[in-house]
């Protein structure tokens, strides 16, 4: 079963969508405006996959 939720994108602030998959315990957040993607585990919080072209890692 999947639950969908409309949220604000943590990257650009536009409307994005968050999907919770109860069988696999994965949370996927994606934004069509800035191409943000974050997939993480709801049990451990570990990031499975991430893509955010506008975010840069600090050095």
PDB file of N, CA and C in Angstrom:
ATOM      1  N   UNK A   1       0.836  -1.180   0.000  1.00  0.00           N
ATOM      2  CA  UNK A   1       0.000   0.000   0.000  1.00  0.00           C
ATOM      3  C   UNK A   1       0.880   1.242   0.000  1.00  0.00           C
ATOM      4  N   UNK A   2       0.479   2.244  -0.779  1.00  0.00           N
ATOM      5  CA  UNK A   2       1.230   3.487  -0.846  1.00  0.00           C
ATOM      6  C   UNK A   2       0.354   4.647  -0.396  1.00  0.00           C
ATOM      7  N   UNK A   3       0.975   5.578   0.295  1.00  0.00           N
ATOM      8  CA  UNK A   3       0.297   6.797   0.726  1.00  0.00           C
ATOM      9  C   UNK A   3       1.009   7.960   0.053  1.00  0.00           C
ATOM     10  N   UNK A   4       0.237   8.848  -0.598  1.00  0.00           N
ATOM     11  CA  UNK A   4       0.814  10.006  -1.279  1.00  0.00           C
ATOM     12  C   UNK A   4       0.442  11.268  -0.527  1.00  0.00           C
ATOM     13  N   UNK A   5       1.392  12.186  -0.460  1.00  0.00           N
ATOM     14  CA  UNK A   5       1.196  13.419   0.282  1.00  0.00           C
ATOM     15  C   UNK A   5       1.828  14.563  -0.505  1.00  0.00           C
ATOM     16  N   UNK A   6       1.101  15.669  -0.639  1.00  0.00           N
ATOM     17  CA  UNK A   6       1.655  16.860  -1.279  1.00  0.00           C
ATOM     18  C   UNK A   6       2.336  17.713  -0.222  1.00  0.00           C
ATOM     19  N   UNK A   7       3.575  18.086  -0.503  1.00  0.00           N
ATOM     20  CA  UNK A   7       4.381  18.863   0.445  1.00  0.00           C
ATOM     21  C   UNK A   7       5.099  19.970  -0.323  1.00  0.00           C
ATOM     22  N   UNK A   8       5.813  20.806   0.396  1.00  0.00           N
ATOM     23  CA  UNK A   8       6.703  21.780  -0.226  1.00  0.00           C
ATOM     24  C   UNK A   8       8.081  21.152  -0.366  1.00  0.00           C
ATOM     25  N   UNK A   9       8.699  21.382  -1.506  1.00  0.00           N
ATOM     26  CA  UNK A   9      10.022  20.827  -1.779  1.00  0.00           C
ATOM     27  C   UNK A   9      11.043  21.418  -0.811  1.00  0.00           C
ATOM     28  N   UNK A  10      11.870  20.587  -0.182  1.00  0.00           N
ATOM     29  CA  UNK A  10      12.901  21.101   0.716  1.00  0.00           C
ATOM     30  C   UNK A  10      14.028  21.810  -0.025  1.00  0.00           C
ATOM     31  N   UNK A  11      14.095  21.663  -1.340  1.00  0.00           N
ATOM     32  CA  UNK A  11      15.151  22.271  -2.138  1.00  0.00           C
ATOM     33  C   UNK A  11      14.735  23.641  -2.681  1.00  0.00           C
ATOM     34  N   UNK A  12      13.553  23.720  -3.319  1.00  0.00           N
ATOM     35  CA  UNK A  12      13.161  24.973  -3.981  1.00  0.00           C
ATOM     36  C   UNK A  12      11.891  25.601  -3.421  1.00  0.00           C
ATOM     37  N   UNK A  13      11.106  24.858  -2.644  1.00  0.00           N
ATOM     38  CA  UNK A  13       9.895  25.396  -2.046  1.00  0.00           C
ATOM     39  C   UNK A  13       8.639  25.203  -2.879  1.00  0.00           C
ATOM     40  N   UNK A  14       8.761  24.678  -4.095  1.00  0.00           N
ATOM     41  CA  UNK A  14       7.594  24.408  -4.930  1.00  0.00           C
ATOM     42  C   UNK A  14       6.838  23.202  -4.377  1.00  0.00           C
ATOM     43  N   UNK A  15       5.675  22.939  -4.961  1.00  0.00           N
ATOM     44  CA  UNK A  15       4.930  21.760  -4.532  1.00  0.00           C
ATOM     45  C   UNK A  15       5.620  20.495  -5.029  1.00  0.00           C
ATOM     46  N   UNK A  16       5.777  19.543  -4.137  1.00  0.00           N
ATOM     47  CA  UNK A  16       6.409  18.266  -4.447  1.00  0.00           C
ATOM     48  C   UNK A  16       5.501  17.159  -3.922  1.00  0.00           C
ATOM     49  N   UNK A  17       5.873  15.929  -4.199  1.00  0.00           N
ATOM     50  CA  UNK A  17       5.071  14.806  -3.748  1.00  0.00           C
ATOM     51  C   UNK A  17       5.927  13.838  -2.943  1.00  0.00           C
ATOM     52  N   UNK A  18       5.371  13.366  -1.851  1.00  0.00           N
ATOM     53  CA  UNK A  18       6.039  12.375  -1.003  1.00  0.00           C
ATOM     54  C   UNK A  18       5.189  11.118  -0.996  1.00  0.00           C
ATOM     55  N   UNK A  19       5.845   9.971  -1.229  1.00  0.00           N
ATOM     56  CA  UNK A  19       5.151   8.689  -1.260  1.00  0.00           C
ATOM     57  C   UNK A  19       5.731   7.779  -0.191  1.00  0.00           C
ATOM     58  N   UNK A  20       4.843   7.193   0.587  1.00  0.00           N
ATOM     59  CA  UNK A  20       5.228   6.230   1.609  1.00  0.00           C
ATOM     60  C   UNK A  20       4.824   4.843   1.119  1.00  0.00           C
ATOM     61  N   UNK A  21       5.772   3.920   1.033  1.00  0.00           N
ATOM     62  CA  UNK A  21       5.478   2.537   0.656  1.00  0.00           C
ATOM     63  C   UNK A  21       5.557   1.693   1.929  1.00  0.00           C
ATOM     64  N   UNK A  22       4.429   1.191   2.363  1.00  0.00           N
ATOM     65  CA  UNK A  22       4.365   0.490   3.641  1.00  0.00           C
ATOM     66  C   UNK A  22       4.998  -0.896   3.596  1.00  0.00           C
ATOM     67  N   UNK A  23       5.026  -1.548   2.424  1.00  0.00           N
ATOM     68  CA  UNK A  23       5.623  -2.880   2.329  1.00  0.00           C
ATOM     69  C   UNK A  23       7.141  -2.818   2.415  1.00  0.00           C
ATOM     70  N   UNK A  24       7.750  -1.847   1.746  1.00  0.00           N
ATOM     71  CA  UNK A  24       9.215  -1.775   1.695  1.00  0.00           C
ATOM     72  C   UNK A  24       9.791  -0.775   2.694  1.00  0.00           C
ATOM     73  N   UNK A  25       8.936  -0.017   3.373  1.00  0.00           N
ATOM     74  CA  UNK A  25       9.345   0.986   4.353  1.00  0.00           C
ATOM     75  C   UNK A  25      10.208   2.081   3.718  1.00  0.00           C
ATOM     76  N   UNK A  26       9.903   2.428   2.464  1.00  0.00           N
ATOM     77  CA  UNK A  26      10.633   3.483   1.778  1.00  0.00           C
ATOM     78  C   UNK A  26       9.790   4.735   1.669  1.00  0.00           C
ATOM     79  N   UNK A  27      10.447   5.877   1.792  1.00  0.00           N
ATOM     80  CA  UNK A  27       9.814   7.176   1.606  1.00  0.00           C
ATOM     81  C   UNK A  27      10.507   7.838   0.426  1.00  0.00           C
ATOM     82  N   UNK A  28       9.714   8.237  -0.577  1.00  0.00           N
ATOM     83  CA  UNK A  28      10.282   8.886  -1.758  1.00  0.00           C
ATOM     84  C   UNK A  28       9.706  10.287  -1.873  1.00  0.00           C
ATOM     85  N   UNK A  29      10.594  11.273  -1.937  1.00  0.00           N
ATOM     86  CA  UNK A  29      10.193  12.662  -2.115  1.00  0.00           C
ATOM     87  C   UNK A  29      10.757  13.134  -3.434  1.00  0.00           C
ATOM     88  N   UNK A  30       9.877  13.694  -4.291  1.00  0.00           N
ATOM     89  CA  UNK A  30      10.349  14.176  -5.580  1.00  0.00           C
ATOM     90  C   UNK A  30       9.647  15.463  -5.970  1.00  0.00           C
ATOM     91  N   UNK A  31      10.403  16.323  -6.649  1.00  0.00           N
ATOM     92  CA  UNK A  31       9.902  17.611  -7.097  1.00  0.00           C
ATOM     93  C   UNK A  31      10.095  17.704  -8.608  1.00  0.00           C
ATOM     94  N   UNK A  32       9.019  17.945  -9.366  1.00  0.00           N
ATOM     95  CA  UNK A  32       9.157  18.060 -10.815  1.00  0.00           C
ATOM     96  C   UNK A  32       9.765  19.390 -11.265  1.00  0.00           C
ATOM     97  N   UNK A  33       9.777  20.392 -10.398  1.00  0.00           N
ATOM     98  CA  UNK A  33      10.280  21.717 -10.770  1.00  0.00           C
ATOM     99  C   UNK A  33      11.805  21.748 -10.762  1.00  0.00           C
ATOM    100  N   UNK A  34      12.429  21.316  -9.669  1.00  0.00           N
ATOM    101  CA  UNK A  34      13.892  21.401  -9.549  1.00  0.00           C
ATOM    102  C   UNK A  34      14.587  20.043  -9.688  1.00  0.00           C
ATOM    103  N   UNK A  35      13.830  18.992  -9.968  1.00  0.00           N
ATOM    104  CA  UNK A  35      14.369  17.645 -10.184  1.00  0.00           C
ATOM    105  C   UNK A  35      14.982  17.055  -8.917  1.00  0.00           C
ATOM    106  N   UNK A  36      14.460  17.430  -7.754  1.00  0.00           N
ATOM    107  CA  UNK A  36      14.917  16.902  -6.465  1.00  0.00           C
ATOM    108  C   UNK A  36      14.363  15.501  -6.271  1.00  0.00           C
ATOM    109  N   UNK A  37      15.194  14.592  -5.750  1.00  0.00           N
ATOM    110  CA  UNK A  37      14.766  13.237  -5.435  1.00  0.00           C
ATOM    111  C   UNK A  37      15.467  12.779  -4.168  1.00  0.00           C
ATOM    112  N   UNK A  38      14.697  12.220  -3.248  1.00  0.00           N
ATOM    113  CA  UNK A  38      15.259  11.647  -2.031  1.00  0.00           C
ATOM    114  C   UNK A  38      14.458  10.392  -1.697  1.00  0.00           C
ATOM    115  N   UNK A  39      15.152   9.274  -1.578  1.00  0.00           N
ATOM    116  CA  UNK A  39      14.537   8.011  -1.183  1.00  0.00           C
ATOM    117  C   UNK A  39      15.259   7.552   0.075  1.00  0.00           C
ATOM    118  N   UNK A  40      14.498   7.366   1.144  1.00  0.00           N
ATOM    119  CA  UNK A  40      15.116   6.898   2.381  1.00  0.00           C
ATOM    120  C   UNK A  40      14.224   5.884   3.079  1.00  0.00           C
ATOM    121  N   UNK A  41      14.830   5.165   4.025  1.00  0.00           N
ATOM    122  CA  UNK A  41      14.135   4.131   4.775  1.00  0.00           C
ATOM    123  C   UNK A  41      13.417   4.768   5.964  1.00  0.00           C
ATOM    124  N   UNK A  42      12.151   4.408   6.149  1.00  0.00           N
ATOM    125  CA  UNK A  42      11.395   4.981   7.259  1.00  0.00           C
ATOM    126  C   UNK A  42      11.767   4.347   8.595  1.00  0.00           C
ATOM    127  N   UNK A  43      12.368   3.178   8.575  1.00  0.00           N
ATOM    128  CA  UNK A  43      12.784   2.523   9.823  1.00  0.00           C
ATOM    129  C   UNK A  43      14.109   3.079  10.346  1.00  0.00           C
ATOM    130  N   UNK A  44      15.098   3.163   9.470  1.00  0.00           N
ATOM    131  CA  UNK A  44      16.443   3.550   9.901  1.00  0.00           C
ATOM    132  C   UNK A  44      16.789   4.998   9.591  1.00  0.00           C
ATOM    133  N   UNK A  45      16.085   5.596   8.629  1.00  0.00           N
ATOM    134  CA  UNK A  45      16.400   6.960   8.221  1.00  0.00           C
ATOM    135  C   UNK A  45      17.543   7.042   7.223  1.00  0.00           C
ATOM    136  N   UNK A  46      18.103   5.922   6.845  1.00  0.00           N
ATOM    137  CA  UNK A  46      19.220   5.911   5.903  1.00  0.00           C
ATOM    138  C   UNK A  46      18.760   6.302   4.504  1.00  0.00           C
ATOM    139  N   UNK A  47      19.620   7.039   3.824  1.00  0.00           N
ATOM    140  CA  UNK A  47      19.335   7.477   2.461  1.00  0.00           C
ATOM    141  C   UNK A  47      19.674   6.345   1.502  1.00  0.00           C
ATOM    142  N   UNK A  48      18.708   5.974   0.675  1.00  0.00           N
ATOM    143  CA  UNK A  48      18.898   4.923  -0.315  1.00  0.00           C
ATOM    144  C   UNK A  48      19.367   5.534  -1.632  1.00  0.00           C
ATOM    145  N   UNK A  49      18.745   6.661  -2.011  1.00  0.00           N
ATOM    146  CA  UNK A  49      19.101   7.355  -3.238  1.00  0.00           C
ATOM    147  C   UNK A  49      18.786   8.830  -3.064  1.00  0.00           C
ATOM    148  N   UNK A  50      19.632   9.686  -3.639  1.00  0.00           N
ATOM    149  CA  UNK A  50      19.402  11.117  -3.537  1.00  0.00           C
ATOM    150  C   UNK A  50      19.935  11.812  -4.776  1.00  0.00           C
ATOM    151  N   UNK A  51      19.203  12.844  -5.213  1.00  0.00           N
ATOM    152  CA  UNK A  51      19.632  13.659  -6.331  1.00  0.00           C
ATOM    153  C   UNK A  51      19.033  15.035  -6.146  1.00  0.00           C
ATOM    154  N   UNK A  52      19.868  16.023  -6.016  1.00  0.00           N
ATOM    155  CA  UNK A  52      19.426  17.403  -5.864  1.00  0.00           C
ATOM    156  C   UNK A  52      20.420  18.292  -6.606  1.00  0.00           C
ATOM    157  N   UNK A  53      20.143  18.637  -7.856  1.00  0.00           N
ATOM    158  CA  UNK A  53      21.114  19.372  -8.662  1.00  0.00           C
ATOM    159  C   UNK A  53      21.448  20.760  -8.127  1.00  0.00           C
ATOM    160  N   UNK A  54      20.581  21.351  -7.313  1.00  0.00           N
ATOM    161  CA  UNK A  54      20.848  22.689  -6.808  1.00  0.00           C
ATOM    162  C   UNK A  54      21.532  22.729  -5.458  1.00  0.00           C
ATOM    163  N   UNK A  55      21.736  21.583  -4.824  1.00  0.00           N
ATOM    164  CA  UNK A  55      22.368  21.537  -3.515  1.00  0.00           C
ATOM    165  C   UNK A  55      23.831  21.130  -3.662  1.00  0.00           C
ATOM    166  N   UNK A  56      24.701  21.821  -2.954  1.00  0.00           N
ATOM    167  CA  UNK A  56      26.121  21.517  -3.021  1.00  0.00           C
ATOM    168  C   UNK A  56      26.625  21.148  -1.641  1.00  0.00           C
ATOM    169  N   UNK A  57      27.469  20.151  -1.583  1.00  0.00           N
ATOM    170  CA  UNK A  57      28.043  19.719  -0.307  1.00  0.00           C
ATOM    171  C   UNK A  57      29.075  20.734   0.163  1.00  0.00           C
ATOM    172  N   UNK A  58      29.112  20.961   1.446  1.00  0.00           N
ATOM    173  CA  UNK A  58      30.121  21.869   2.015  1.00  0.00           C
ATOM    174  C   UNK A  58      31.465  21.177   2.041  1.00  0.00           C
ATOM    175  N   UNK A  59      32.505  21.936   1.830  1.00  0.00           N
ATOM    176  CA  UNK A  59      33.847  21.364   1.800  1.00  0.00           C
ATOM    177  C   UNK A  59      34.542  21.547   3.111  1.00  0.00           C
TER     178      UNK A  59
END
